[in-house]
C-alpha atoms as a PDB file:
ATOM      1  CA  MET A   1      -6.573   4.107 -20.376  1.00  0.00           C
ATOM      2  CA  PRO A   2      -4.746   4.105 -17.029  1.00  0.00           C
ATOM      3  CA  ASP A   3      -2.479   6.965 -16.019  1.00  0.00           C
ATOM      4  CA  LEU A   4       1.037   5.545 -16.282  1.00  0.00           C
ATOM      5  CA  HIS A   5       2.937   8.712 -15.300  1.00  0.00           C
ATOM      6  CA  LEU A   6       3.747   7.626 -11.716  1.00  0.00           C
ATOM      7  CA  PRO A   7       4.433   3.962 -12.592  1.00  0.00           C
ATOM      8  CA  LYS A   8       6.849   5.085 -15.340  1.00  0.00           C
ATOM      9  CA  LEU A   9       8.733   7.280 -12.882  1.00  0.00           C
ATOM     10  CA  LEU A  10       8.798   4.433 -10.354  1.00  0.00           C
ATOM     11  CA  ALA A  11      10.036   2.038 -13.025  1.00  0.00           C
ATOM     12  CA  GLU A  12      12.933   4.340 -13.879  1.00  0.00           C
ATOM     13  CA  ARG A  13      13.927   4.860 -10.249  1.00  0.00           C
ATOM     14  CA  LEU A  14      13.582   1.235  -9.142  1.00  0.00           C
ATOM     15  CA  THR A  15      15.422  -0.024 -12.235  1.00  0.00           C
ATOM     16  CA  ARG A  16      18.268   2.420 -11.605  1.00  0.00           C
ATOM     17  CA  LEU A  17      18.468   1.244  -7.979  1.00  0.00           C
ATOM     18  CA  LYS A  18      18.149  -2.417  -9.042  1.00  0.00           C
ATOM     19  CA  TRP A  19      15.328  -2.726  -6.502  1.00  0.00           C
ATOM     20  CA  LEU A  20      12.047  -4.588  -6.560  1.00  0.00           C
ATOM     21  CA  MET A  21       8.775  -3.316  -5.132  1.00  0.00           C
ATOM     22  CA  ALA A  22       5.906  -5.104  -3.383  1.00  0.00           C
ATOM     23  CA  THR A  23       2.455  -3.899  -2.342  1.00  0.00           C
ATOM     24  CA  ALA A  24       0.253  -4.828   0.612  1.00  0.00           C
ATOM     25  CA  GLU A  25      -3.264  -3.579  -0.022  1.00  0.00           C
ATOM     26  CA  SER A  26      -6.511  -3.654   1.852  1.00  0.00           C
ATOM     27  CA  CYS A  27      -8.924  -0.839   0.903  1.00  0.00           C
ATOM     28  CA  THR A  28      -7.555  -0.546  -2.651  1.00  0.00           C
ATOM     29  CA  GLY A  29      -8.040  -4.243  -3.386  1.00  0.00           C
ATOM     30  CA  GLY A  30      -5.042  -4.491  -5.705  1.00  0.00           C
ATOM     31  CA  MET A  31      -5.385  -1.157  -7.512  1.00  0.00           C
ATOM     32  CA  ILE A  32      -1.828  -0.120  -6.655  1.00  0.00           C
ATOM     33  CA  ALA A  33      -0.407  -3.369  -8.035  1.00  0.00           C
ATOM     34  CA  ALA A  34      -2.646  -3.069 -11.107  1.00  0.00           C
ATOM     35  CA  SER A  35      -1.395   0.481 -11.713  1.00  0.00           C
ATOM     36  CA  CYS A  36       2.173  -0.802 -11.670  1.00  0.00           C
ATOM     37  CA  THR A  37       1.554  -3.860 -13.820  1.00  0.00           C
ATOM     38  CA  ASP A  38      -0.423  -1.865 -16.406  1.00  0.00           C
ATOM     39  CA  LEU A  39       3.031  -0.708 -17.513  1.00  0.00           C
ATOM     40  CA  ALA A  40       4.708  -3.108 -19.940  1.00  0.00           C
ATOM     41  CA  GLY A  41       7.967  -4.482 -18.554  1.00  0.00           C
ATOM     42  CA  SER A  42       6.930  -4.042 -14.938  1.00  0.00           C
ATOM     43  CA  SER A  43       8.206  -7.516 -14.054  1.00  0.00           C
ATOM     44  CA  ALA A  44      11.691  -5.977 -14.045  1.00  0.00           C
ATOM     45  CA  TRP A  45      10.847  -3.918 -10.936  1.00  0.00           C
ATOM     46  CA  PHE A  46       7.462  -5.015  -9.547  1.00  0.00           C
ATOM     47  CA  GLU A  47       7.899  -8.209  -7.515  1.00  0.00           C
ATOM     48  CA  ARG A  48       4.442  -8.980  -6.098  1.00  0.00           C
ATOM     49  CA  GLY A  49       1.270  -7.661  -4.590  1.00  0.00           C
ATOM     50  CA  PHE A  50      -0.617  -8.883  -1.549  1.00  0.00           C
ATOM     51  CA  VAL A  51      -4.345  -8.150  -1.459  1.00  0.00           C
ATOM     52  CA  THR A  52      -5.177  -8.626   2.204  1.00  0.00           C
ATOM     53  CA  TYR A  53      -8.715  -7.361   2.430  1.00  0.00           C
ATOM     54  CA  SER A  54      -9.740  -9.401   5.465  1.00  0.00           C
ATOM     55  CA  ASN A  55      -8.084  -9.374   8.874  1.00  0.00           C
ATOM     56  CA  SER A  56      -7.266 -13.081   8.557  1.00  0.00           C
ATOM     57  CA  ALA A  57      -5.543 -12.416   5.211  1.00  0.00           C
ATOM     58  CA  LYS A  58      -3.389  -9.742   6.860  1.00  0.00           C
ATOM     59  CA  THR A  59      -2.360 -12.308   9.464  1.00  0.00           C
ATOM     60  CA  GLN A  60      -1.926 -15.295   7.135  1.00  0.00           C
ATOM     61  CA  MET A  61      -0.285 -13.580   4.166  1.00  0.00           C
ATOM     62  CA  LEU A  62       1.712 -10.793   5.836  1.00  0.00           C
ATOM     63  CA  GLY A  63       2.241 -12.055   9.374  1.00  0.00           C
ATOM     64  CA  VAL A  64       0.344  -9.171  11.002  1.00  0.00           C
ATOM     65  CA  PRO A  65      -0.338 -10.371  14.567  1.00  0.00           C
ATOM     66  CA  SER A  66      -4.069 -10.849  15.144  1.00  0.00           C
ATOM     67  CA  GLU A  67      -3.585  -9.280  18.588  1.00  0.00           C
ATOM     68  CA  LEU A  68      -2.344  -6.096  16.912  1.00  0.00           C
ATOM     69  CA  ILE A  69      -5.494  -5.937  14.781  1.00  0.00           C
ATOM     70  CA  ALA A  70      -7.716  -6.666  17.802  1.00  0.00           C
ATOM     71  CA  MET A  71      -6.003  -3.961  19.867  1.00  0.00           C
ATOM     72  CA  HIS A  72      -5.779  -1.159  17.267  1.00  0.00           C
ATOM     73  CA  GLY A  73      -8.183  -2.120  14.486  1.00  0.00           C
ATOM     74  CA  ALA A  74      -7.292  -2.934  10.898  1.00  0.00           C
ATOM     75  CA  VAL A  75      -7.238   0.762   9.986  1.00  0.00           C
ATOM     76  CA  SER A  76      -4.366   1.870  12.200  1.00  0.00           C
ATOM     77  CA  GLU A  77      -0.725   2.888  12.172  1.00  0.00           C
ATOM     78  CA  PRO A  78       0.559  -0.283  13.885  1.00  0.00           C
ATOM     79  CA  VAL A  79      -1.267  -2.516  11.411  1.00  0.00           C
ATOM     80  CA  VAL A  80      -0.169  -0.664   8.264  1.00  0.00           C
ATOM     81  CA  ARG A  81       3.410  -0.661   9.586  1.00  0.00           C
ATOM     82  CA  ALA A  82       3.237  -4.441  10.098  1.00  0.00           C
ATOM     83  CA  MET A  83       1.753  -4.847   6.607  1.00  0.00           C
ATOM     84  CA  ALA A  84       4.635  -2.943   4.977  1.00  0.00           C
ATOM     85  CA  LEU A  85       7.209  -4.976   6.901  1.00  0.00           C
ATOM     86  CA  GLY A  86       5.353  -8.213   6.120  1.00  0.00           C
ATOM     87  CA  ALA A  87       5.421  -7.443   2.403  1.00  0.00           C
ATOM     88  CA  ILE A  88       9.204  -7.098   2.578  1.00  0.00           C
ATOM     89  CA  ASP A  89       9.654 -10.199   4.748  1.00  0.00           C
ATOM     90  CA  ARG A  90       7.502 -12.350   2.447  1.00  0.00           C
ATOM     91  CA  SER A  91       8.907 -11.195  -0.882  1.00  0.00           C
ATOM     92  CA  GLN A  92      12.164 -10.495  -2.664  1.00  0.00           C
ATOM     93  CA  ALA A  93      11.457  -6.744  -2.689  1.00  0.00           C
ATOM     94  CA  GLN A  94      13.601  -3.987  -1.232  1.00  0.00           C
ATOM     95  CA  ALA A  95      10.714  -1.490  -1.110  1.00  0.00           C
ATOM     96  CA  SER A  96       7.063  -1.850  -0.176  1.00  0.00           C
ATOM     97  CA  VAL A  97       3.935   0.223   0.184  1.00  0.00           C
ATOM     98  CA  ALA A  98       0.966  -0.771   2.339  1.00  0.00           C
ATOM     99  CA  VAL A  99      -2.504   0.739   2.660  1.00  0.00           C
ATOM    100  CA  THR A 100      -5.483   0.104   4.910  1.00  0.00           C
ATOM    101  CA  GLY A 101      -8.502   2.317   5.194  1.00  0.00           C
ATOM    102  CA  VAL A 102     -12.238   2.953   5.075  1.00  0.00           C
ATOM    103  CA  ALA A 103     -13.304   3.425   1.441  1.00  0.00           C
ATOM    104  CA  GLY A 104     -17.019   3.511   2.249  1.00  0.00           C
ATOM    105  CA  PRO A 105     -19.756   4.145   1.756  1.00  0.00           C
ATOM    106  CA  SER A 106     -20.256   2.278   5.038  1.00  0.00           C
ATOM    107  CA  GLY A 107     -17.805   1.095   7.677  1.00  0.00           C
ATOM    108  CA  GLY A 108     -16.815   4.475   9.016  1.00  0.00           C
ATOM    109  CA  SER A 109     -16.942   5.491  12.658  1.00  0.00           C
ATOM    110  CA  PRO A 110     -16.535   8.791  14.527  1.00  0.00           C
ATOM    111  CA  ASP A 111     -12.815   8.128  15.084  1.00  0.00           C
ATOM    112  CA  LYS A 112     -12.253   6.549  11.618  1.00  0.00           C
ATOM    113  CA  PRO A 113     -14.692   8.181   9.192  1.00  0.00           C
ATOM    114  CA  VAL A 114     -15.054   7.111   5.573  1.00  0.00           C
ATOM    115  CA  GLY A 115     -11.973   8.325   3.704  1.00  0.00           C
ATOM    116  CA  THR A 116      -9.543   7.562   6.550  1.00  0.00           C
ATOM    117  CA  VAL A 117      -6.518   5.749   5.104  1.00  0.00           C
ATOM    118  CA  TRP A 118      -3.252   4.734   6.740  1.00  0.00           C
ATOM    119  CA  LEU A 119      -0.267   4.328   4.400  1.00  0.00           C
ATOM    120  CA  ALA A 120       3.215   2.941   5.029  1.00  0.00           C
ATOM    121  CA  TRP A 121       6.355   2.748   2.932  1.00  0.00           C
ATOM    122  CA  CYS A 122       9.269   0.467   3.827  1.00  0.00           C
ATOM    123  CA  MET A 123      12.744   0.873   2.359  1.00  0.00           C
ATOM    124  CA  ASP A 124      15.877  -0.759   3.688  1.00  0.00           C
ATOM    125  CA  GLY A 125      14.016  -1.764   6.846  1.00  0.00           C
ATOM    126  CA  THR A 126      12.859   1.785   7.624  1.00  0.00           C
ATOM    127  CA  VAL A 127       9.111   2.339   7.708  1.00  0.00           C
ATOM    128  CA  LYS A 128       7.448   5.729   7.274  1.00  0.00           C
ATOM    129  CA  THR A 129       3.714   6.018   7.925  1.00  0.00           C
ATOM    130  CA  GLU A 130       1.059   8.657   7.493  1.00  0.00           C
ATOM    131  CA  ILE A 131      -2.685   9.057   7.742  1.00  0.00           C
ATOM    132  CA  GLN A 132      -4.791  10.699   5.060  1.00  0.00           C
ATOM    133  CA  HIS A 133      -8.442  11.691   4.922  1.00  0.00           C
ATOM    134  CA  PHE A 134      -9.621  11.488   1.320  1.00  0.00           C
ATOM    135  CA  GLU A 135     -12.911  12.939   0.109  1.00  0.00           C
ATOM    136  CA  GLY A 136     -15.366  11.490  -2.360  1.00  0.00           C
ATOM    137  CA  ASP A 137     -17.154   8.251  -3.082  1.00  0.00           C
ATOM    138  CA  ARG A 138     -15.670   4.770  -2.744  1.00  0.00           C
ATOM    139  CA  ASN A 139     -14.000   4.832  -6.153  1.00  0.00           C
ATOM    140  CA  GLN A 140     -12.575   8.324  -5.654  1.00  0.00           C
ATOM    141  CA  ILE A 141     -11.142   7.359  -2.262  1.00  0.00           C
ATOM    142  CA  ARG A 142      -9.527   4.220  -3.702  1.00  0.00           C
ATOM    143  CA  GLN A 143      -8.088   6.138  -6.657  1.00  0.00           C
ATOM    144  CA  ALA A 144      -6.760   8.909  -4.410  1.00  0.00           C
ATOM    145  CA  THR A 145      -5.175   6.284  -2.155  1.00  0.00           C
ATOM    146  CA  THR A 146      -3.527   4.598  -5.135  1.00  0.00           C
ATOM    147  CA  ARG A 147      -2.090   7.873  -6.452  1.00  0.00           C
ATOM    148  CA  HIS A 148      -0.881   8.914  -2.992  1.00  0.00           C
ATOM    149  CA  ALA A 149       0.724   5.509  -2.378  1.00  0.00           C
ATOM    150  CA  LEU A 150       2.619   5.630  -5.688  1.00  0.00           C
ATOM    151  CA  GLN A 151       3.682   9.263  -5.230  1.00  0.00           C
ATOM    152  CA  GLY A 152       4.758   8.483  -1.672  1.00  0.00           C
ATOM    153  CA  MET A 153       6.894   5.600  -2.910  1.00  0.00           C
ATOM    154  CA  LEU A 154       8.534   7.835  -5.487  1.00  0.00           C
ATOM    155  CA  ASP A 155       9.130  10.587  -2.916  1.00  0.00           C
ATOM    156  CA  ARG A 156      10.770   8.178  -0.469  1.00  0.00           C
ATOM    157  CA  LEU A 157      12.984   6.179  -2.818  1.00  0.00           C
ATOM    158  CA  PRO A 158      16.670   7.140  -2.900  1.00  0.00           C
ATOM    159  CA  ALA A 159      17.435   9.443  -5.824  1.00  0.00           C
END
């Protein structure tokens, strides 16, 4: 049974604001959207989710410039910022969360080790970003990212 505590709190807040939410996910592969839509009635506040696992999907679905990815890498602040903005631009949502990271067990590098995740939240055109370094195996990193993304959305939404 999924943990619906954070989605329930998000549902209450977004419904009160009359806002919709969108997700743009890479390393979580849709887990954030699934966490939201596990809650019955989520169509009232969850607008859509973009699973943009590949670089070309980030460009095609969210409008992330391929030059930005080439210059900074997919796991970077400029790319996650563009993903969050793209989710807003290509949806009816007023709030978005975006994540891109290295879930492992391979794919890490000295400057972006496994567990490195960039997150971004966009509300009313303002984007806030942060980097996290989660511990654990692939599943634990993806679950930690999902929880952090949802909590971050809740923390940043207007009261």
